[in-house]
Protein backbone atom coordinates (compact mmCIF):
# COMPACT_ATOMS: atom_id res chain seq x y z
CA LYS A 1 0.00 0.00 0.00
CA LYS A 2 2.86 2.34 0.83
CA ASN A 3 4.44 1.73 -2.56
CA ASN A 4 1.08 2.24 -4.29
CA LEU A 5 0.62 5.54 -2.45
CA LYS A 6 4.08 6.71 -3.49
CA GLU A 7 3.40 5.74 -7.10
CA LYS A 8 0.09 7.61 -7.12
CA MET A 9 1.64 10.72 -5.59
CA ARG A 10 4.65 10.43 -7.89
CA SER A 11 2.41 10.32 -10.94
CA THR A 12 0.45 13.32 -9.65
CA MET A 13 3.65 15.28 -9.29
CA LEU A 14 4.89 14.39 -12.74
CA LYS A 15 1.56 15.26 -14.35
CA CYS A 16 1.61 18.64 -12.65
CA ILE A 17 5.17 19.20 -13.80
CA ILE A 18 4.14 18.84 -17.42
CA SER A 19 0.89 20.71 -16.91
CA ILE A 20 2.62 23.73 -15.36
CA VAL A 21 5.36 23.90 -17.94
CA SER A 22 2.64 24.05 -20.59
CA VAL A 23 0.83 26.79 -18.66
CA ILE A 24 3.88 29.02 -18.46
CA TYR A 25 5.04 28.43 -22.02
CA LEU A 26 1.61 29.33 -23.40
CA LEU A 27 1.16 32.39 -21.19
CA ASN A 28 4.54 34.02 -21.72
CA GLN A 29 4.12 37.04 -24.02
CA ASN A 30 7.57 38.66 -23.87
CA ALA A 31 10.32 39.29 -26.45
CA HIS A 32 12.26 36.30 -27.79
CA CYS A 33 16.04 36.11 -27.90
CA GLU A 34 18.52 33.29 -28.33
CA LEU A 35 18.99 30.79 -25.52
CA GLN A 36 22.08 28.59 -25.14
CA VAL A 37 22.71 25.02 -24.02
CA GLY A 38 25.26 25.16 -21.21
CA PHE A 39 24.43 28.79 -20.41
CA TYR A 40 25.62 28.38 -16.79
CA SER A 41 28.75 26.35 -17.54
CA TYR A 42 31.06 29.10 -16.27
CA SER A 43 28.84 31.21 -14.01
CA CYS A 44 27.22 28.34 -12.06
CA GLY A 45 28.45 24.98 -13.31
CA MET A 46 26.43 22.95 -10.79
CA ALA A 47 23.10 24.59 -11.64
CA GLU A 48 21.51 21.74 -13.59
CA PHE A 49 22.84 19.10 -11.19
CA ILE A 50 21.38 20.94 -8.18
CA VAL A 51 17.97 21.24 -9.83
CA LYS A 52 17.94 17.60 -10.88
CA ASP A 53 18.89 16.50 -7.38
CA GLU A 54 15.96 18.43 -5.90
CA VAL A 55 13.50 17.02 -8.43
CA ARG A 56 14.80 13.50 -7.82
CA LYS A 57 14.41 13.86 -4.06
CA ALA A 58 10.90 15.24 -4.48
CA VAL A 59 9.85 12.29 -6.63
CA SER A 60 11.40 9.58 -4.45
CA ASN A 61 11.15 11.00 -0.94
CA SER A 62 8.33 13.54 -0.85
CA PRO A 63 5.08 12.11 -2.26
CA GLY A 64 2.51 14.79 -2.96
CA ILE A 65 4.93 17.60 -3.79
CA ALA A 66 4.26 18.93 -7.29
CA ALA A 67 6.83 21.14 -8.93
CA GLY A 68 5.80 24.02 -11.18
CA LEU A 69 7.93 24.39 -14.28
CA GLY A 70 8.29 26.79 -17.20
CA CYS A 71 9.82 29.83 -18.93
CA ASP A 72 9.47 33.13 -17.13
CA ALA A 73 8.14 31.56 -13.91
CA SER A 74 5.15 33.89 -13.68
CA VAL A 75 3.04 31.00 -12.42
CA LEU A 76 5.28 30.82 -9.35
CA LEU A 77 4.49 34.36 -8.22
CA ASP A 78 2.14 34.58 -5.25
CA SER A 79 -0.98 36.70 -5.32
CA THR A 80 -0.92 40.08 -3.59
CA PRO A 81 -3.70 42.17 -2.02
CA SER A 82 -3.98 44.10 -5.29
CA ASN A 83 -3.54 41.23 -7.78
CA THR A 84 -4.68 37.63 -8.23
CA ALA A 85 -1.79 35.69 -9.75
CA GLU A 86 -1.94 32.89 -12.31
CA LYS A 87 -1.49 30.17 -9.71
CA ASP A 88 -4.76 31.19 -8.04
CA SER A 89 -6.88 31.26 -11.19
CA PRO A 90 -9.67 28.66 -11.52
CA ALA A 91 -7.73 27.10 -14.41
CA ASN A 92 -4.72 26.37 -12.19
CA LYS A 93 -6.02 25.89 -8.67
CA PRO A 94 -6.02 23.28 -7.17
CA SER A 95 -4.39 21.37 -10.07
CA LEU A 96 -1.01 23.08 -9.76
CA ARG A 97 0.77 22.73 -6.43
CA GLY A 98 4.05 21.73 -4.80
CA TYR A 99 5.98 24.87 -5.64
CA GLU A 100 8.25 24.08 -2.68
CA VAL A 101 10.47 21.93 -4.89
CA ILE A 102 11.43 24.99 -6.91
CA ASP A 103 11.84 27.01 -3.73
CA HIS A 104 14.33 24.45 -2.43
CA ALA A 105 16.32 24.39 -5.66
CA LYS A 106 16.39 28.18 -5.77
CA ALA A 107 17.60 28.43 -2.17
CA LYS A 108 20.47 26.03 -2.86
CA LEU A 109 21.44 27.88 -6.02
CA GLU A 110 21.36 31.24 -4.23
CA ALA A 111 23.74 29.79 -1.63
CA VAL A 112 26.36 28.83 -4.22
CA CYS A 113 25.60 31.19 -7.14
CA PRO A 114 23.71 34.19 -5.78
CA GLY A 115 21.77 36.20 -8.33
CA ILE A 116 22.81 34.01 -11.27
CA VAL A 117 20.18 31.35 -12.07
CA SER A 118 16.65 32.49 -12.90
CA CYS A 119 13.54 30.80 -11.59
CA ALA A 120 12.51 30.44 -15.23
CA ASP A 121 15.55 28.32 -16.04
CA ILE A 122 15.14 26.28 -12.86
CA LEU A 123 11.65 25.42 -14.09
CA ALA A 124 12.80 24.52 -17.57
CA PHE A 125 15.54 22.25 -16.20
CA ALA A 126 13.12 20.58 -13.81
CA ALA A 127 10.64 19.93 -16.62
CA ARG A 128 13.31 17.97 -18.48
CA ASP A 129 14.36 16.15 -15.32
CA SER A 130 10.79 15.12 -14.54
CA VAL A 131 10.39 13.61 -18.00
CA GLU A 132 13.56 11.56 -17.47
CA LEU A 133 12.37 10.41 -14.04
CA ALA A 134 9.13 9.24 -15.66
CA GLU A 135 11.23 7.04 -17.99
CA GLY A 136 10.95 9.51 -20.85
CA LEU A 137 13.69 10.75 -23.15
CA GLY A 138 16.10 13.37 -21.79
CA TYR A 139 17.10 16.40 -23.81
CA ASP A 140 19.39 19.43 -23.66
CA VAL A 141 17.73 22.58 -22.31
CA PRO A 142 18.83 25.91 -23.82
CA ALA A 143 18.98 28.43 -20.97
CA GLY A 144 19.43 32.13 -20.35
CA ARG A 145 15.86 33.06 -19.46
CA ARG A 146 15.04 35.96 -17.19
CA ASP A 147 12.13 36.15 -14.75
CA GLY A 148 9.07 38.21 -15.55
CA ARG A 149 7.46 40.57 -13.05
CA ILE A 150 3.79 40.16 -13.97
CA SER A 151 1.39 37.33 -13.20
CA LEU A 152 -2.30 37.83 -14.00
CA ALA A 153 -5.00 35.25 -13.34
CA SER A 154 -7.06 36.81 -16.12
CA ASP A 155 -4.52 35.66 -18.72
CA THR A 156 -5.48 32.04 -18.16
CA ARG A 157 -8.97 32.62 -19.57
CA THR A 158 -7.72 33.11 -23.12
CA GLU A 159 -4.30 31.48 -23.22
CA LEU A 160 -4.87 28.00 -21.75
CA PRO A 161 -6.72 25.20 -23.57
CA PRO A 162 -9.59 23.92 -21.40
CA PRO A 163 -10.38 20.18 -21.36
CA THR A 164 -13.53 20.89 -23.41
CA PHE A 165 -11.69 22.19 -26.51
CA ASN A 166 -12.21 20.45 -29.85
CA VAL A 167 -9.42 19.71 -32.31
CA ASN A 168 -9.90 22.91 -34.30
CA GLN A 169 -9.75 25.08 -31.19
CA LEU A 170 -6.63 23.28 -29.99
CA THR A 171 -4.95 23.64 -33.38
CA GLN A 172 -5.70 27.36 -33.52
CA LEU A 173 -4.50 28.03 -29.98
CA PHE A 174 -1.20 26.25 -30.54
CA ALA A 175 -0.78 27.89 -33.93
CA ARG A 176 -0.95 31.32 -32.29
CA LYS A 177 2.16 30.28 -30.38
CA GLY A 178 3.97 29.09 -33.50
CA LEU A 179 3.35 25.40 -32.82
CA THR A 180 2.16 23.04 -35.54
CA GLN A 181 -0.79 20.69 -35.35
CA ASP A 182 1.60 17.75 -35.13
CA GLU A 183 3.39 19.43 -32.22
CA MET A 184 0.02 19.98 -30.55
CA VAL A 185 -0.74 16.26 -30.79
CA THR A 186 2.76 15.44 -29.58
CA LEU A 187 2.56 17.74 -26.57
CA SER A 188 -0.91 16.42 -25.71
CA GLY A 189 0.97 13.23 -24.86
CA ALA A 190 1.96 14.93 -21.60
CA HIS A 191 -1.36 13.52 -20.36
CA THR A 192 0.35 10.13 -20.29
CA ILE A 193 1.25 10.78 -16.64
CA GLY A 194 -0.53 11.97 -13.55
CA ARG A 195 -4.12 12.40 -12.43
CA SER A 196 -7.06 14.73 -12.97
CA HIS A 197 -9.79 16.12 -10.75
CA CYS A 198 -13.26 14.79 -11.54
CA SER A 199 -14.59 18.27 -12.25
CA SER A 200 -12.48 18.45 -15.42
CA PHE A 201 -14.45 15.72 -17.19
CA SER A 202 -17.61 14.95 -15.18
CA LYS A 203 -19.83 16.62 -17.80
CA ARG A 204 -18.90 13.80 -20.18
CA LEU A 205 -20.36 11.33 -17.69
CA TYR A 206 -23.54 12.99 -16.50
CA ASN A 207 -24.51 16.05 -18.54
CA PHE A 208 -22.95 15.82 -21.97
CA SER A 209 -25.75 17.20 -24.14
CA ALA A 210 -29.50 17.60 -24.46
CA SER A 211 -29.73 14.30 -26.33
CA SER A 212 -27.16 12.26 -24.43
CA ARG A 213 -26.27 12.38 -20.74
CA GLN A 214 -23.06 10.45 -21.43
CA ASP A 215 -20.54 11.28 -24.14
CA PRO A 216 -21.14 8.60 -26.83
CA SER A 217 -17.46 8.72 -27.83
CA LEU A 218 -16.46 7.41 -24.38
CA ASP A 219 -15.86 3.68 -24.02
CA PRO A 220 -18.85 2.40 -21.97
CA SER A 221 -16.80 0.22 -19.61
CA TYR A 222 -14.38 3.08 -19.02
CA ALA A 223 -17.33 5.37 -18.30
CA VAL A 224 -18.62 2.91 -15.68
CA ARG A 225 -15.22 2.94 -13.99
CA LEU A 226 -15.06 6.73 -14.02
CA LYS A 227 -18.54 6.99 -12.52
CA ARG A 228 -17.46 4.76 -9.63
CA GLN A 229 -14.46 6.98 -9.05
CA CYS A 230 -16.38 10.25 -9.53
CA PRO A 231 -19.95 9.86 -8.20
CA GLN A 232 -22.49 12.32 -9.57
CA GLY A 233 -22.96 15.35 -7.36
CA SER A 234 -19.84 14.74 -5.27
CA THR A 235 -18.24 17.91 -3.90
CA ASN A 236 -15.09 16.20 -2.66
CA PRO A 237 -12.20 18.28 -4.11
CA ASN A 238 -9.74 15.44 -3.49
CA LEU A 239 -11.31 12.98 -5.92
CA VAL A 240 -8.87 12.29 -8.76
CA VAL A 241 -8.38 9.63 -11.44
CA PRO A 242 -5.38 8.59 -13.55
CA MET A 243 -5.02 10.47 -16.82
CA ASN A 244 -3.67 7.35 -18.51
CA PRO A 245 -5.04 4.38 -16.54
CA SER A 246 -2.76 1.78 -18.10
CA SER A 247 0.50 3.47 -17.00
CA PRO A 248 -0.17 6.70 -15.08
CA GLY A 249 3.40 7.13 -13.79
CA ILE A 250 5.33 6.47 -16.99
CA ALA A 251 5.95 8.82 -19.91
CA ASP A 252 4.98 6.35 -22.62
CA VAL A 253 2.55 6.08 -25.55
CA GLY A 254 -0.20 4.54 -23.44
CA TYR A 255 -2.03 7.86 -23.73
CA TYR A 256 -2.39 7.39 -27.49
CA VAL A 257 -3.36 3.74 -27.13
CA ASP A 258 -6.11 4.77 -24.74
CA ILE A 259 -7.43 7.37 -27.19
CA LEU A 260 -7.62 4.74 -29.93
CA GLU A 261 -9.69 2.63 -27.52
CA ASN A 262 -11.98 5.59 -26.71
CA ARG A 263 -10.49 6.06 -23.26
CA GLY A 264 -9.32 9.63 -23.66
CA LEU A 265 -10.19 11.27 -20.35
CA PHE A 266 -10.91 14.79 -21.63
CA THR A 267 -12.89 15.94 -24.64
CA SER A 268 -9.62 17.61 -25.70
CA ASP A 269 -8.00 14.15 -25.73
CA GLN A 270 -10.67 12.15 -27.53
CA THR A 271 -11.22 14.93 -30.07
CA LEU A 272 -7.90 14.04 -31.67
CA LEU A 273 -9.69 11.18 -33.46
CA THR A 274 -12.23 13.50 -35.09
CA ASN A 275 -9.73 14.89 -37.61
CA ALA A 276 -8.06 12.69 -40.23
CA GLU A 277 -4.60 14.23 -39.79
CA THR A 278 -4.55 14.23 -35.99
CA ALA A 279 -6.04 10.72 -35.90
CA SER A 280 -3.18 9.55 -38.12
CA GLN A 281 -0.68 11.20 -35.78
CA VAL A 282 -2.27 9.48 -32.79
CA GLU A 283 -1.93 6.12 -34.55
CA GLN A 284 1.71 6.78 -35.47
CA ASN A 285 2.58 7.77 -31.92
CA ALA A 286 0.81 4.73 -30.48
CA ARG A 287 2.90 2.46 -32.73
CA ASP A 288 6.33 4.04 -32.19
CA SER A 289 7.24 4.97 -28.62
CA TYR A 290 10.75 6.18 -29.47
CA GLN A 291 9.53 8.42 -32.27
CA TRP A 292 6.98 10.03 -29.94
CA ALA A 293 9.53 10.48 -27.14
CA SER A 294 11.95 12.13 -29.57
CA LYS A 295 9.26 14.40 -31.00
CA PHE A 296 8.10 15.27 -27.50
CA ALA A 297 11.61 16.31 -26.46
CA ASP A 298 11.98 18.48 -29.58
CA ALA A 299 8.56 20.07 -29.01
CA MET A 300 9.39 20.84 -25.39
CA VAL A 301 12.61 22.57 -26.44
CA LYS A 302 10.74 24.59 -29.06
CA MET A 303 7.97 25.52 -26.66
CA GLY A 304 10.61 26.54 -24.14
CA GLN A 305 11.92 29.19 -26.54
CA ILE A 306 8.61 30.90 -27.27
CA SER A 307 8.67 34.60 -26.36
CA VAL A 308 11.09 34.35 -23.45
CA LEU A 309 12.77 37.19 -21.57
CA THR A 310 16.55 37.33 -22.02
CA GLY A 311 19.39 39.84 -21.93
CA ASN A 312 18.55 42.80 -19.73
CA ALA A 313 14.80 42.23 -19.72
CA GLY A 314 13.02 41.12 -16.55
CA GLU A 315 15.07 40.16 -13.53
CA ILE A 316 16.70 37.30 -11.64
CA ARG A 317 14.48 36.72 -8.64
CA THR A 318 15.95 35.89 -5.26
CA ASN A 319 12.64 34.35 -4.16
CA CYS A 320 10.63 32.71 -6.94
CA ARG A 321 7.36 33.69 -5.27
CA VAL A 322 8.05 37.43 -5.09
CA VAL A 323 9.12 40.10 -7.56
CA SER A 324 12.56 41.37 -6.56
CA SER A 325 12.32 44.89 -7.89
C-alpha cells in the first residue's frame, strides 16, 4: 500500500510538472532572444545538477509535492492584495501545487551562485528532469531566461486550452504560439502521466448534451469505472483519477493507445480522433514509442523558446514567489 501511495503521488507530481510547464510556455508574451545550451557552464556549473537532485528527491522522498515548471516563472508568483496571480486562477487551482520543490532548488542555487540562475531556467531544467524520471527521453535545455514581473490570473482565460476544446480550437490556440498541429498532438501526450480532478471531465459522464447524458465517444466500460471513481454530485475536491489508466506514472505512448480505444479522459484528448490528420498522428505515436519520445523532447525545447525574456529584460528573482524589484 505504501508503494502504491508513493506511485500515485509520484504520478500526480509528474503530471503537474508537465501541466505547469505548458501553462507558463503558453502564457509568456515577452520578447524572444537566443537561448544557449550550457548557459551556466562558467557562471554556475552545478546549476543543472542541483535542480535535478531536488526534483529526484521530491519524486522519491516527498510524495505529494508537485513542482511548477516553465519559462518566465510567472506561475510561481504569489498573489498580492492588489492582484490575483496565475497560480490562483480557476484554471490552475487546485491542479497546480508543490511549488516548494522549486523554492528548495532556488535556495540552494542562491547559496552557491547568488543572483545568477533564474527561476525560469530552474523550471525549464526541472521539466526535463521530470520527463527523465518518468522514464521519458532526456534532452538538452537551452537556458538564459530571465524572470518576468507580472502574473495575472485573467490571462489564463484566453491562453490556456480547457479540457472541453475540440481539435480545431486546440490547433488554432497552438498555432498562435507558433506550434504546428503535429506538435500539438505530440505535446498532448503529456497527459500520459498523472491524475485529474473529476470536475475536469464529469460533464462527459452525467450532462454531456441535451440528447445524451453520457458522451457517446467514451468507451462504456471506461465510463462505468469513471462513474465509480467520480460519483455524480460529489463535492469532494480530493477525488482524482489517472489520466492514462494503463501506466499513469510512466511517460509512454499509453495515452495514445487509450485514445484509440476511446479512453481519452478529456474531450480535448478524444477529439484528436475527429480529424483525419490528428487521428493519423495518434496512430503513429501509439505504434512508435521512441519516435513520440523524440518528437516530445523536440517540441518541449521549441515551446521553451517561445517569447522568453533574455538579456537585460526582466530580472533574476531571489525568491521565486516574489518580484525582486
